[in-house]
Amino acid sequence: MKDGTKRLRELMEEYGFPLEAIEDILYRLGWHFLSGGQSTDDYVWIQVRYFENLVKFGKIARKEKVK
């Protein structure tokens, strides 16, 4: 199965998520990993879908590229 944390990193590099959303995901994943969870678990992909939905519904803008 794919690694959900890689997809989260891709999304955070491409889009300007608010700090509150990033902190929330990091908090949730921190506890998930401390309890023995893996980066390929469904729970990680639920967090990915949360970020993807913010993008999908136009709540988050793409970062501007630095020239």
N, C-alpha and C. Protein backbone atom coordinates (compact mmCIF):
# COMPACT_ATOMS: atom_id res chain seq x y z
N MET A 1 0.84 -1.18 0.00
CA MET A 1 0.00 0.00 0.00
C MET A 1 0.89 1.25 0.00
N LYS A 2 0.36 2.33 -0.54
CA LYS A 2 1.11 3.58 -0.63
C LYS A 2 1.28 4.26 0.71
N ASP A 3 2.30 5.09 0.79
CA ASP A 3 2.62 5.85 1.99
C ASP A 3 1.85 7.17 1.99
N GLY A 4 0.93 7.34 2.93
CA GLY A 4 0.11 8.54 2.99
C GLY A 4 0.87 9.79 3.39
N THR A 5 1.95 9.63 4.15
CA THR A 5 2.70 10.81 4.56
C THR A 5 3.40 11.47 3.38
N LYS A 6 3.76 10.70 2.38
CA LYS A 6 4.37 11.28 1.18
C LYS A 6 3.36 12.16 0.45
N ARG A 7 2.13 11.70 0.37
CA ARG A 7 1.09 12.48 -0.29
C ARG A 7 0.80 13.76 0.50
N LEU A 8 0.80 13.67 1.82
CA LEU A 8 0.59 14.87 2.64
C LEU A 8 1.69 15.89 2.39
N ARG A 9 2.93 15.43 2.31
CA ARG A 9 4.06 16.33 2.03
C ARG A 9 3.90 17.00 0.68
N GLU A 10 3.49 16.24 -0.34
CA GLU A 10 3.28 16.80 -1.67
C GLU A 10 2.23 17.92 -1.62
N LEU A 11 1.14 17.65 -0.94
CA LEU A 11 0.07 18.64 -0.84
C LEU A 11 0.54 19.90 -0.11
N MET A 12 1.30 19.73 0.98
CA MET A 12 1.76 20.88 1.74
C MET A 12 2.79 21.69 0.97
N GLU A 13 3.55 21.05 0.10
CA GLU A 13 4.51 21.78 -0.72
C GLU A 13 3.82 22.58 -1.82
N GLU A 14 2.69 22.08 -2.30
CA GLU A 14 2.01 22.70 -3.43
C GLU A 14 0.97 23.74 -3.03
N TYR A 15 0.34 23.56 -1.85
CA TYR A 15 -0.75 24.44 -1.44
C TYR A 15 -0.44 25.12 -0.11
N GLY A 16 -1.06 26.28 0.10
CA GLY A 16 -0.85 27.07 1.31
C GLY A 16 -1.89 26.77 2.37
N PHE A 17 -1.75 25.65 3.04
CA PHE A 17 -2.69 25.29 4.11
C PHE A 17 -2.47 26.17 5.32
N PRO A 18 -3.55 26.51 6.03
CA PRO A 18 -3.38 27.32 7.24
C PRO A 18 -2.65 26.51 8.32
N LEU A 19 -1.94 27.22 9.14
CA LEU A 19 -1.15 26.57 10.20
C LEU A 19 -2.03 25.70 11.09
N GLU A 20 -3.24 26.14 11.37
CA GLU A 20 -4.15 25.37 12.23
C GLU A 20 -4.44 23.99 11.65
N ALA A 21 -4.63 23.92 10.34
CA ALA A 21 -4.92 22.63 9.69
C ALA A 21 -3.69 21.72 9.74
N ILE A 22 -2.53 22.28 9.51
CA ILE A 22 -1.29 21.49 9.55
C ILE A 22 -1.04 20.99 10.97
N GLU A 23 -1.20 21.86 11.96
CA GLU A 23 -1.00 21.45 13.35
C GLU A 23 -1.97 20.34 13.74
N ASP A 24 -3.22 20.44 13.29
CA ASP A 24 -4.23 19.43 13.61
C ASP A 24 -3.82 18.07 13.04
N ILE A 25 -3.41 18.05 11.79
CA ILE A 25 -3.00 16.80 11.15
C ILE A 25 -1.76 16.23 11.85
N LEU A 26 -0.79 17.08 12.15
CA LEU A 26 0.42 16.59 12.82
C LEU A 26 0.10 16.02 14.20
N TYR A 27 -0.81 16.65 14.91
CA TYR A 27 -1.23 16.15 16.23
C TYR A 27 -1.87 14.77 16.10
N ARG A 28 -2.81 14.65 15.16
CA ARG A 28 -3.51 13.38 14.97
C ARG A 28 -2.54 12.28 14.55
N LEU A 29 -1.67 12.59 13.60
CA LEU A 29 -0.73 11.57 13.11
C LEU A 29 0.31 11.23 14.17
N GLY A 30 0.69 12.22 14.97
CA GLY A 30 1.64 11.95 16.04
C GLY A 30 1.12 10.87 16.98
N TRP A 31 -0.13 11.01 17.41
CA TRP A 31 -0.72 9.99 18.28
C TRP A 31 -0.89 8.67 17.56
N HIS A 32 -1.23 8.74 16.30
CA HIS A 32 -1.39 7.51 15.51
C HIS A 32 -0.08 6.73 15.47
N PHE A 33 1.02 7.42 15.19
CA PHE A 33 2.31 6.74 15.09
C PHE A 33 2.82 6.29 16.47
N LEU A 34 2.56 7.09 17.50
CA LEU A 34 2.96 6.69 18.86
C LEU A 34 2.25 5.42 19.32
N SER A 35 1.04 5.22 18.82
CA SER A 35 0.28 4.03 19.21
C SER A 35 0.58 2.83 18.32
N GLY A 36 1.59 2.96 17.46
CA GLY A 36 2.00 1.82 16.63
C GLY A 36 1.48 1.85 15.21
N GLY A 37 0.82 2.92 14.83
CA GLY A 37 0.29 3.02 13.47
C GLY A 37 1.39 3.15 12.43
N GLN A 38 1.03 2.83 11.21
CA GLN A 38 1.96 2.89 10.08
C GLN A 38 1.52 3.97 9.09
N SER A 39 2.46 4.42 8.26
CA SER A 39 2.15 5.47 7.28
C SER A 39 1.27 4.97 6.15
N THR A 40 1.06 3.67 6.07
CA THR A 40 0.20 3.11 5.03
C THR A 40 -1.21 2.80 5.54
N ASP A 41 -1.48 3.10 6.81
CA ASP A 41 -2.79 2.81 7.40
C ASP A 41 -3.89 3.70 6.81
N ASP A 42 -5.10 3.18 6.86
CA ASP A 42 -6.26 3.94 6.37
C ASP A 42 -6.41 5.27 7.10
N TYR A 43 -6.08 5.31 8.39
CA TYR A 43 -6.23 6.54 9.17
C TYR A 43 -5.40 7.68 8.57
N VAL A 44 -4.22 7.38 8.08
CA VAL A 44 -3.37 8.39 7.46
C VAL A 44 -4.05 8.89 6.18
N TRP A 45 -4.64 7.99 5.43
CA TRP A 45 -5.31 8.38 4.18
C TRP A 45 -6.57 9.20 4.43
N ILE A 46 -7.19 9.03 5.59
CA ILE A 46 -8.32 9.88 5.96
C ILE A 46 -7.84 11.32 6.10
N GLN A 47 -6.67 11.50 6.69
CA GLN A 47 -6.09 12.84 6.84
C GLN A 47 -5.72 13.43 5.48
N VAL A 48 -5.22 12.59 4.59
CA VAL A 48 -4.90 13.03 3.23
C VAL A 48 -6.17 13.52 2.55
N ARG A 49 -7.25 12.76 2.68
CA ARG A 49 -8.51 13.15 2.04
C ARG A 49 -9.02 14.48 2.59
N TYR A 50 -8.80 14.74 3.86
CA TYR A 50 -9.19 16.02 4.45
C TYR A 50 -8.48 17.16 3.71
N PHE A 51 -7.17 17.05 3.52
CA PHE A 51 -6.41 18.08 2.79
C PHE A 51 -6.88 18.16 1.34
N GLU A 52 -7.08 17.01 0.71
CA GLU A 52 -7.52 17.00 -0.69
C GLU A 52 -8.89 17.64 -0.84
N ASN A 53 -9.77 17.44 0.14
CA ASN A 53 -11.09 18.06 0.09
C ASN A 53 -11.01 19.58 0.26
N LEU A 54 -10.10 20.05 1.09
CA LEU A 54 -9.92 21.50 1.21
C LEU A 54 -9.53 22.10 -0.14
N VAL A 55 -8.68 21.39 -0.86
CA VAL A 55 -8.26 21.83 -2.20
C VAL A 55 -9.44 21.72 -3.17
N LYS A 56 -10.09 20.58 -3.17
CA LYS A 56 -11.18 20.30 -4.10
C LYS A 56 -12.31 21.33 -4.02
N PHE A 57 -12.63 21.75 -2.81
CA PHE A 57 -13.74 22.68 -2.62
C PHE A 57 -13.31 24.15 -2.58
N GLY A 58 -12.07 24.40 -3.02
CA GLY A 58 -11.61 25.76 -3.20
C GLY A 58 -11.30 26.53 -1.92
N LYS A 59 -11.05 25.83 -0.85
CA LYS A 59 -10.77 26.49 0.44
C LYS A 59 -9.29 26.85 0.57
N ILE A 60 -8.45 26.24 -0.26
CA ILE A 60 -7.00 26.43 -0.18
C ILE A 60 -6.47 26.82 -1.56
N ALA A 61 -5.58 27.80 -1.58
CA ALA A 61 -4.99 28.26 -2.85
C ALA A 61 -3.63 27.60 -3.07
N ARG A 62 -3.30 27.45 -4.33
CA ARG A 62 -1.98 26.93 -4.71
C ARG A 62 -0.92 27.98 -4.35
N LYS A 63 0.22 27.53 -3.88
CA LYS A 63 1.30 28.46 -3.56
C LYS A 63 1.84 29.06 -4.85
N GLU A 64 2.24 30.31 -4.76
CA GLU A 64 2.86 30.95 -5.92
C GLU A 64 4.31 30.52 -6.01
N LYS A 65 4.75 30.28 -7.23
CA LYS A 65 6.13 29.88 -7.43
C LYS A 65 7.05 31.09 -7.35
N VAL A 66 8.16 30.91 -6.67
CA VAL A 66 9.14 31.96 -6.53
C VAL A 66 10.02 31.97 -7.78
N LYS A 67 10.20 33.15 -8.36
CA LYS A 67 10.99 33.24 -9.59
C LYS A 67 12.44 33.46 -9.29
